[in-house]
N, C-alpha and C. Protein backbone atom coordinates (compact mmCIF):
# COMPACT_ATOMS: atom_id res chain seq x y z
N UNK A 1 -91.09 -141.80 -31.05
CA UNK A 1 -92.39 -141.65 -31.65
C UNK A 1 -93.43 -142.33 -30.76
N UNK A 2 -94.52 -141.64 -30.54
CA UNK A 2 -95.57 -142.18 -29.67
C UNK A 2 -96.50 -143.08 -30.46
N UNK A 3 -96.95 -144.09 -29.83
CA UNK A 3 -97.90 -145.02 -30.42
C UNK A 3 -99.29 -144.42 -30.32
N UNK A 4 -99.99 -144.31 -31.41
CA UNK A 4 -101.29 -143.65 -31.45
C UNK A 4 -102.39 -144.70 -31.63
N UNK A 5 -103.17 -144.94 -30.59
CA UNK A 5 -104.23 -145.93 -30.65
C UNK A 5 -105.35 -145.51 -31.59
N UNK A 6 -105.60 -144.22 -31.67
CA UNK A 6 -106.70 -143.77 -32.52
C UNK A 6 -106.41 -144.06 -34.00
N UNK A 7 -105.14 -143.96 -34.39
CA UNK A 7 -104.78 -144.24 -35.78
C UNK A 7 -105.00 -145.71 -36.11
N UNK A 8 -104.64 -146.60 -35.21
CA UNK A 8 -104.85 -148.03 -35.42
C UNK A 8 -106.34 -148.32 -35.50
N UNK A 9 -107.13 -147.66 -34.65
CA UNK A 9 -108.57 -147.88 -34.67
C UNK A 9 -109.19 -147.39 -35.98
N UNK A 10 -108.72 -146.25 -36.50
CA UNK A 10 -109.23 -145.74 -37.79
C UNK A 10 -108.89 -146.70 -38.92
N UNK A 11 -107.69 -147.27 -38.91
CA UNK A 11 -107.31 -148.23 -39.95
C UNK A 11 -108.19 -149.47 -39.87
N UNK A 12 -108.47 -149.91 -38.66
CA UNK A 12 -109.31 -151.09 -38.47
C UNK A 12 -110.72 -150.83 -39.00
N UNK A 13 -111.26 -149.66 -38.71
CA UNK A 13 -112.61 -149.31 -39.18
C UNK A 13 -112.63 -149.17 -40.70
N UNK A 14 -111.58 -148.63 -41.28
CA UNK A 14 -111.51 -148.49 -42.74
C UNK A 14 -111.46 -149.86 -43.41
N UNK A 15 -110.77 -150.81 -42.82
CA UNK A 15 -110.72 -152.16 -43.38
C UNK A 15 -112.06 -152.85 -43.30
N UNK A 16 -112.86 -152.54 -42.30
CA UNK A 16 -114.18 -153.16 -42.18
C UNK A 16 -115.16 -152.59 -43.18
N UNK A 17 -114.95 -151.35 -43.63
CA UNK A 17 -115.87 -150.71 -44.56
C UNK A 17 -115.69 -151.27 -45.98
N UNK A 18 -114.51 -151.73 -46.34
CA UNK A 18 -114.24 -152.24 -47.68
C UNK A 18 -115.15 -153.43 -47.99
N UNK A 19 -115.61 -153.54 -49.23
CA UNK A 19 -116.50 -154.66 -49.57
C UNK A 19 -115.80 -156.00 -49.40
N UNK A 20 -116.53 -156.94 -48.85
CA UNK A 20 -115.98 -158.26 -48.57
C UNK A 20 -115.72 -159.07 -49.83
N UNK A 21 -116.53 -158.83 -50.87
CA UNK A 21 -116.47 -159.69 -52.03
C UNK A 21 -115.32 -159.36 -52.98
N UNK A 22 -114.64 -158.24 -52.80
CA UNK A 22 -113.74 -157.75 -53.83
C UNK A 22 -112.57 -158.67 -54.13
N UNK A 23 -112.00 -159.33 -53.14
CA UNK A 23 -110.81 -160.15 -53.38
C UNK A 23 -111.08 -161.65 -53.29
N UNK A 24 -112.31 -162.04 -53.12
CA UNK A 24 -112.65 -163.45 -53.06
C UNK A 24 -112.42 -164.06 -54.44
N UNK A 25 -111.74 -165.20 -54.49
CA UNK A 25 -111.46 -165.86 -55.76
C UNK A 25 -112.68 -166.67 -56.18
N UNK A 26 -113.10 -166.47 -57.43
CA UNK A 26 -114.20 -167.22 -58.02
C UNK A 26 -113.75 -167.75 -59.37
N UNK A 27 -114.54 -168.61 -59.93
CA UNK A 27 -114.23 -169.20 -61.24
C UNK A 27 -115.08 -168.57 -62.33
N UNK A 28 -114.42 -168.26 -63.43
CA UNK A 28 -115.10 -167.75 -64.62
C UNK A 28 -115.77 -168.92 -65.33
N UNK A 29 -116.57 -168.63 -66.34
CA UNK A 29 -117.21 -169.70 -67.12
C UNK A 29 -116.19 -170.56 -67.84
N UNK A 30 -115.01 -170.01 -68.15
CA UNK A 30 -113.97 -170.77 -68.83
C UNK A 30 -113.22 -171.70 -67.87
N UNK A 31 -113.40 -171.49 -66.56
CA UNK A 31 -112.75 -172.34 -65.56
C UNK A 31 -111.55 -171.70 -64.90
N UNK A 32 -111.14 -170.52 -65.35
CA UNK A 32 -110.00 -169.85 -64.75
C UNK A 32 -110.43 -169.09 -63.50
N UNK A 33 -109.52 -168.97 -62.55
CA UNK A 33 -109.79 -168.24 -61.33
C UNK A 33 -109.67 -166.74 -61.58
N UNK A 34 -110.57 -165.98 -60.99
CA UNK A 34 -110.57 -164.54 -61.11
C UNK A 34 -111.16 -163.96 -59.83
N UNK A 35 -111.00 -162.66 -59.64
CA UNK A 35 -111.57 -162.04 -58.44
C UNK A 35 -113.06 -161.81 -58.66
N UNK A 36 -113.79 -161.77 -57.57
CA UNK A 36 -115.23 -161.55 -57.64
C UNK A 36 -115.53 -160.16 -58.19
N UNK A 37 -114.68 -159.21 -57.89
CA UNK A 37 -114.87 -157.85 -58.39
C UNK A 37 -114.79 -157.82 -59.91
N UNK A 38 -113.80 -158.51 -60.48
CA UNK A 38 -113.65 -158.58 -61.94
C UNK A 38 -114.88 -159.22 -62.57
N UNK A 39 -115.35 -160.32 -62.01
CA UNK A 39 -116.50 -161.01 -62.56
C UNK A 39 -117.77 -160.19 -62.40
N UNK A 40 -117.89 -159.45 -61.30
CA UNK A 40 -119.07 -158.63 -61.07
C UNK A 40 -119.10 -157.46 -62.04
N UNK A 41 -117.97 -156.84 -62.30
CA UNK A 41 -117.93 -155.66 -63.17
C UNK A 41 -118.05 -156.02 -64.64
N UNK A 42 -117.33 -157.06 -65.08
CA UNK A 42 -117.24 -157.36 -66.51
C UNK A 42 -117.96 -158.62 -66.93
N UNK A 43 -118.31 -159.47 -65.99
CA UNK A 43 -119.00 -160.70 -66.32
C UNK A 43 -118.09 -161.81 -66.80
N UNK A 44 -116.81 -161.56 -66.94
CA UNK A 44 -115.85 -162.58 -67.36
C UNK A 44 -114.47 -162.21 -66.87
N UNK A 45 -113.57 -163.18 -66.91
CA UNK A 45 -112.21 -162.93 -66.42
C UNK A 45 -111.44 -162.12 -67.47
N UNK A 46 -110.26 -161.66 -67.10
CA UNK A 46 -109.45 -160.82 -68.00
C UNK A 46 -109.04 -161.60 -69.25
N UNK A 47 -108.76 -162.90 -69.11
CA UNK A 47 -108.36 -163.70 -70.26
C UNK A 47 -109.51 -163.84 -71.26
N UNK A 48 -110.72 -164.03 -70.76
CA UNK A 48 -111.88 -164.13 -71.66
C UNK A 48 -112.16 -162.79 -72.35
N UNK A 49 -111.99 -161.68 -71.63
CA UNK A 49 -112.20 -160.37 -72.22
C UNK A 49 -111.18 -160.10 -73.32
N UNK A 50 -109.94 -160.49 -73.09
CA UNK A 50 -108.89 -160.31 -74.09
C UNK A 50 -109.14 -161.20 -75.31
N UNK A 51 -109.60 -162.41 -75.08
CA UNK A 51 -109.92 -163.32 -76.19
C UNK A 51 -111.08 -162.77 -77.02
N UNK A 52 -112.06 -162.16 -76.37
CA UNK A 52 -113.19 -161.57 -77.09
C UNK A 52 -112.72 -160.41 -77.97
N UNK A 53 -111.77 -159.63 -77.48
CA UNK A 53 -111.24 -158.52 -78.27
C UNK A 53 -110.46 -159.05 -79.46
N UNK A 54 -109.66 -160.09 -79.24
CA UNK A 54 -108.89 -160.67 -80.35
C UNK A 54 -109.81 -161.26 -81.40
N UNK A 55 -110.94 -161.84 -80.98
CA UNK A 55 -111.88 -162.41 -81.94
C UNK A 55 -112.61 -161.33 -82.73
N UNK A 56 -112.72 -160.12 -82.16
CA UNK A 56 -113.46 -159.05 -82.81
C UNK A 56 -112.72 -158.46 -84.01
N UNK A 57 -111.40 -158.63 -84.06
CA UNK A 57 -110.64 -158.06 -85.18
C UNK A 57 -110.17 -159.19 -86.09
N UNK A 58 -109.85 -158.85 -87.32
CA UNK A 58 -109.41 -159.85 -88.28
C UNK A 58 -107.93 -160.17 -88.06
N UNK A 59 -107.47 -161.33 -88.54
CA UNK A 59 -106.05 -161.66 -88.39
C UNK A 59 -105.11 -160.65 -89.05
N UNK A 60 -105.51 -160.06 -90.15
CA UNK A 60 -104.68 -159.05 -90.80
C UNK A 60 -104.54 -157.80 -89.94
N UNK A 61 -105.62 -157.42 -89.27
CA UNK A 61 -105.56 -156.27 -88.36
C UNK A 61 -104.66 -156.59 -87.17
N UNK A 62 -104.74 -157.80 -86.68
CA UNK A 62 -103.91 -158.21 -85.55
C UNK A 62 -102.43 -158.19 -85.94
N UNK A 63 -102.12 -158.59 -87.17
CA UNK A 63 -100.74 -158.55 -87.65
C UNK A 63 -100.23 -157.10 -87.74
N UNK A 64 -101.10 -156.18 -88.13
CA UNK A 64 -100.72 -154.77 -88.18
C UNK A 64 -100.49 -154.23 -86.77
N UNK A 65 -101.30 -154.67 -85.80
CA UNK A 65 -101.11 -154.27 -84.41
C UNK A 65 -99.77 -154.76 -83.89
N UNK A 66 -99.42 -156.01 -84.19
CA UNK A 66 -98.12 -156.54 -83.77
C UNK A 66 -96.98 -155.79 -84.44
N UNK A 67 -97.13 -155.48 -85.73
CA UNK A 67 -96.10 -154.73 -86.44
C UNK A 67 -95.94 -153.33 -85.85
N UNK A 68 -97.06 -152.73 -85.45
CA UNK A 68 -97.03 -151.40 -84.85
C UNK A 68 -96.16 -151.38 -83.60
N UNK A 69 -96.17 -152.46 -82.85
CA UNK A 69 -95.42 -152.55 -81.60
C UNK A 69 -94.08 -153.27 -81.75
N UNK A 70 -93.77 -153.72 -82.93
CA UNK A 70 -92.53 -154.45 -83.12
C UNK A 70 -92.58 -155.84 -82.53
N UNK A 71 -93.78 -156.36 -82.28
CA UNK A 71 -93.96 -157.67 -81.67
C UNK A 71 -94.12 -158.73 -82.74
N UNK A 72 -93.08 -158.93 -83.51
CA UNK A 72 -93.10 -159.91 -84.59
C UNK A 72 -92.20 -161.08 -84.21
N UNK A 73 -92.47 -162.26 -84.73
CA UNK A 73 -91.68 -163.44 -84.33
C UNK A 73 -90.19 -163.34 -84.66
N UNK A 74 -89.84 -162.51 -85.64
CA UNK A 74 -88.43 -162.39 -86.01
C UNK A 74 -87.61 -161.65 -84.96
N UNK A 75 -88.24 -160.90 -84.08
CA UNK A 75 -87.54 -160.13 -83.06
C UNK A 75 -87.66 -160.81 -81.71
N UNK A 76 -86.65 -160.64 -80.89
CA UNK A 76 -86.69 -161.20 -79.54
C UNK A 76 -87.69 -160.42 -78.69
N UNK A 77 -88.24 -161.08 -77.68
CA UNK A 77 -89.30 -160.46 -76.89
C UNK A 77 -88.84 -159.22 -76.14
N UNK A 78 -87.57 -159.13 -75.79
CA UNK A 78 -87.15 -157.94 -75.06
C UNK A 78 -87.04 -156.72 -75.96
N UNK A 79 -87.21 -156.89 -77.28
CA UNK A 79 -87.26 -155.75 -78.20
C UNK A 79 -88.69 -155.30 -78.46
N UNK A 80 -89.67 -156.11 -78.05
CA UNK A 80 -91.07 -155.76 -78.30
C UNK A 80 -91.42 -154.51 -77.51
N UNK A 81 -92.10 -153.60 -78.14
CA UNK A 81 -92.52 -152.37 -77.49
C UNK A 81 -91.56 -151.21 -77.68
N UNK A 82 -90.44 -151.44 -78.39
CA UNK A 82 -89.51 -150.34 -78.61
C UNK A 82 -90.09 -149.31 -79.59
N UNK A 83 -91.06 -149.72 -80.38
CA UNK A 83 -91.75 -148.77 -81.25
C UNK A 83 -93.24 -148.85 -80.93
N UNK A 84 -93.94 -147.78 -81.17
CA UNK A 84 -95.38 -147.76 -80.96
C UNK A 84 -96.01 -146.77 -81.94
N UNK A 85 -95.90 -147.08 -83.21
CA UNK A 85 -96.54 -146.24 -84.22
C UNK A 85 -96.74 -147.05 -85.49
N UNK A 86 -97.70 -146.61 -86.28
CA UNK A 86 -97.96 -147.19 -87.59
C UNK A 86 -98.42 -146.03 -88.48
N UNK A 87 -97.75 -145.83 -89.58
CA UNK A 87 -98.08 -144.76 -90.51
C UNK A 87 -98.92 -145.35 -91.65
N UNK A 88 -100.10 -144.78 -91.85
CA UNK A 88 -100.99 -145.26 -92.91
C UNK A 88 -101.43 -144.09 -93.77
N UNK A 89 -101.56 -144.35 -95.06
CA UNK A 89 -102.08 -143.33 -95.97
C UNK A 89 -103.54 -143.06 -95.63
N UNK A 90 -104.02 -141.89 -96.03
CA UNK A 90 -105.39 -141.51 -95.72
C UNK A 90 -106.38 -142.47 -96.37
N UNK A 91 -106.11 -142.90 -97.57
CA UNK A 91 -107.00 -143.87 -98.21
C UNK A 91 -106.26 -145.19 -98.39
N UNK A 92 -106.98 -146.26 -98.31
CA UNK A 92 -106.37 -147.57 -98.51
C UNK A 92 -106.79 -148.57 -97.45
N UNK A 93 -106.34 -149.79 -97.65
CA UNK A 93 -106.75 -150.87 -96.75
C UNK A 93 -106.07 -150.76 -95.38
N UNK A 94 -104.85 -150.23 -95.34
CA UNK A 94 -104.17 -150.09 -94.05
C UNK A 94 -104.92 -149.10 -93.16
N UNK A 95 -105.41 -148.03 -93.75
CA UNK A 95 -106.17 -147.04 -92.97
C UNK A 95 -107.47 -147.66 -92.44
N UNK A 96 -108.14 -148.46 -93.24
CA UNK A 96 -109.36 -149.13 -92.80
C UNK A 96 -109.07 -150.10 -91.66
N UNK A 97 -107.96 -150.83 -91.76
CA UNK A 97 -107.58 -151.76 -90.70
C UNK A 97 -107.27 -151.01 -89.41
N UNK A 98 -106.57 -149.90 -89.53
CA UNK A 98 -106.25 -149.10 -88.34
C UNK A 98 -107.51 -148.52 -87.72
N UNK A 99 -108.46 -148.13 -88.55
CA UNK A 99 -109.71 -147.58 -88.02
C UNK A 99 -110.50 -148.66 -87.26
N UNK A 100 -110.42 -149.89 -87.72
CA UNK A 100 -111.07 -150.99 -86.98
C UNK A 100 -110.40 -151.19 -85.63
N UNK A 101 -109.06 -151.05 -85.59
CA UNK A 101 -108.35 -151.16 -84.32
C UNK A 101 -108.72 -150.02 -83.37
N UNK A 102 -108.89 -148.82 -83.92
CA UNK A 102 -109.31 -147.68 -83.09
C UNK A 102 -110.71 -147.92 -82.55
N UNK A 103 -111.61 -148.43 -83.38
CA UNK A 103 -112.97 -148.71 -82.93
C UNK A 103 -113.01 -149.79 -81.85
N UNK A 104 -112.08 -150.73 -81.90
CA UNK A 104 -112.01 -151.78 -80.89
C UNK A 104 -111.32 -151.32 -79.61
N UNK A 105 -110.72 -150.13 -79.63
CA UNK A 105 -110.05 -149.61 -78.44
C UNK A 105 -108.61 -150.07 -78.31
N UNK A 106 -108.03 -150.63 -79.36
CA UNK A 106 -106.67 -151.14 -79.31
C UNK A 106 -105.64 -150.12 -79.80
N UNK A 107 -106.10 -149.06 -80.46
CA UNK A 107 -105.18 -148.04 -80.98
C UNK A 107 -105.87 -146.67 -80.91
N UNK A 108 -105.05 -145.63 -81.01
CA UNK A 108 -105.56 -144.27 -81.08
C UNK A 108 -104.92 -143.58 -82.27
N UNK A 109 -105.56 -142.52 -82.75
CA UNK A 109 -105.02 -141.75 -83.87
C UNK A 109 -104.08 -140.70 -83.31
N UNK A 110 -102.89 -140.64 -83.89
CA UNK A 110 -101.90 -139.64 -83.49
C UNK A 110 -101.92 -138.46 -84.45
N UNK A 111 -100.77 -138.08 -84.91
CA UNK A 111 -100.63 -136.94 -85.82
C UNK A 111 -101.22 -137.29 -87.18
N UNK A 112 -102.02 -136.37 -87.72
CA UNK A 112 -102.61 -136.55 -89.05
C UNK A 112 -102.19 -135.40 -89.95
N UNK A 113 -101.89 -135.73 -91.19
CA UNK A 113 -101.64 -134.70 -92.20
C UNK A 113 -102.61 -134.93 -93.35
N UNK A 114 -102.41 -134.23 -94.45
CA UNK A 114 -103.33 -134.37 -95.58
C UNK A 114 -103.22 -135.73 -96.26
N UNK A 115 -102.05 -136.36 -96.18
CA UNK A 115 -101.85 -137.60 -96.92
C UNK A 115 -101.67 -138.83 -96.06
N UNK A 116 -101.35 -138.66 -94.77
CA UNK A 116 -101.09 -139.83 -93.93
C UNK A 116 -101.46 -139.54 -92.48
N UNK A 117 -101.54 -140.62 -91.71
CA UNK A 117 -101.86 -140.50 -90.29
C UNK A 117 -101.04 -141.52 -89.51
N UNK A 118 -100.65 -141.14 -88.30
CA UNK A 118 -99.93 -142.05 -87.42
C UNK A 118 -100.89 -142.61 -86.38
N UNK A 119 -100.76 -143.88 -86.11
CA UNK A 119 -101.59 -144.55 -85.11
C UNK A 119 -100.68 -145.12 -84.03
N UNK A 120 -101.17 -145.11 -82.79
CA UNK A 120 -100.41 -145.61 -81.65
C UNK A 120 -101.27 -146.60 -80.87
N UNK A 121 -100.65 -147.65 -80.36
CA UNK A 121 -101.37 -148.67 -79.60
C UNK A 121 -101.68 -148.18 -78.19
N UNK A 122 -102.81 -148.62 -77.65
CA UNK A 122 -103.18 -148.33 -76.27
C UNK A 122 -102.64 -149.45 -75.38
N UNK A 123 -102.83 -149.31 -74.07
CA UNK A 123 -102.41 -150.38 -73.14
C UNK A 123 -103.13 -151.68 -73.46
N UNK A 124 -104.41 -151.58 -73.76
CA UNK A 124 -105.17 -152.77 -74.11
C UNK A 124 -104.64 -153.41 -75.39
N UNK A 125 -104.25 -152.58 -76.35
CA UNK A 125 -103.66 -153.08 -77.58
C UNK A 125 -102.34 -153.78 -77.34
N UNK A 126 -101.54 -153.22 -76.41
CA UNK A 126 -100.27 -153.86 -76.06
C UNK A 126 -100.50 -155.23 -75.43
N UNK A 127 -101.49 -155.31 -74.55
CA UNK A 127 -101.80 -156.61 -73.93
C UNK A 127 -102.29 -157.60 -74.97
N UNK A 128 -103.12 -157.12 -75.89
CA UNK A 128 -103.65 -158.01 -76.93
C UNK A 128 -102.55 -158.51 -77.84
N UNK A 129 -101.53 -157.70 -78.07
CA UNK A 129 -100.42 -158.10 -78.95
C UNK A 129 -99.46 -159.07 -78.26
N UNK A 130 -99.58 -159.21 -76.94
CA UNK A 130 -98.75 -160.18 -76.23
C UNK A 130 -97.57 -159.59 -75.50
N UNK A 131 -97.53 -158.27 -75.30
CA UNK A 131 -96.42 -157.65 -74.58
C UNK A 131 -96.55 -157.91 -73.08
N UNK A 132 -95.41 -158.08 -72.43
CA UNK A 132 -95.41 -158.20 -70.97
C UNK A 132 -95.41 -156.81 -70.36
N UNK A 133 -95.35 -156.72 -69.04
CA UNK A 133 -95.46 -155.41 -68.38
C UNK A 133 -94.29 -154.50 -68.75
N UNK A 134 -93.09 -155.04 -68.89
CA UNK A 134 -91.94 -154.21 -69.28
C UNK A 134 -92.11 -153.71 -70.72
N UNK A 135 -92.62 -154.55 -71.61
CA UNK A 135 -92.86 -154.13 -72.98
C UNK A 135 -93.93 -153.07 -73.08
N UNK A 136 -94.98 -153.18 -72.26
CA UNK A 136 -96.02 -152.17 -72.23
C UNK A 136 -95.46 -150.85 -71.75
N UNK A 137 -94.61 -150.91 -70.72
CA UNK A 137 -93.99 -149.69 -70.20
C UNK A 137 -93.13 -149.02 -71.27
N UNK A 138 -92.36 -149.82 -72.02
CA UNK A 138 -91.52 -149.26 -73.10
C UNK A 138 -92.39 -148.63 -74.18
N UNK A 139 -93.49 -149.30 -74.52
CA UNK A 139 -94.35 -148.80 -75.60
C UNK A 139 -95.08 -147.53 -75.20
N UNK A 140 -95.39 -147.37 -73.94
CA UNK A 140 -96.13 -146.19 -73.49
C UNK A 140 -95.25 -144.99 -73.20
N UNK A 141 -93.94 -145.16 -73.20
CA UNK A 141 -93.04 -144.02 -72.96
C UNK A 141 -93.06 -143.10 -74.16
N UNK A 142 -92.89 -141.82 -73.90
CA UNK A 142 -92.85 -140.84 -75.00
C UNK A 142 -91.48 -140.69 -75.56
């Protein structure tokens, strides 16, 4: 295989075009380190954004989100994410709680019938419930 100088030069030029600030580590207002790109786009680190989402919903809604994903203290963490659904009647407090989770971006509405509806957690909902990357992958599988 021949060594191509033009390819190396193109890679070098492409690296120079990338913004300098994107990977520089900066501190959030909470004191945690984050990338400058994250702080520029969202104004806070990922941990602060997740805490703001958790504060936006009630503890009862959060418990329903954990139940939806099987992320309850009675189960071991490697079982979390094996399920990703919650069935709620059309009327009632469970439906209202699920609708608040949908409005917060933590869940989506799945199959609906005349009497009930299924809800599924989003990736953000999985993170908020405390799932690790393997648990999120399990929960997002069809």
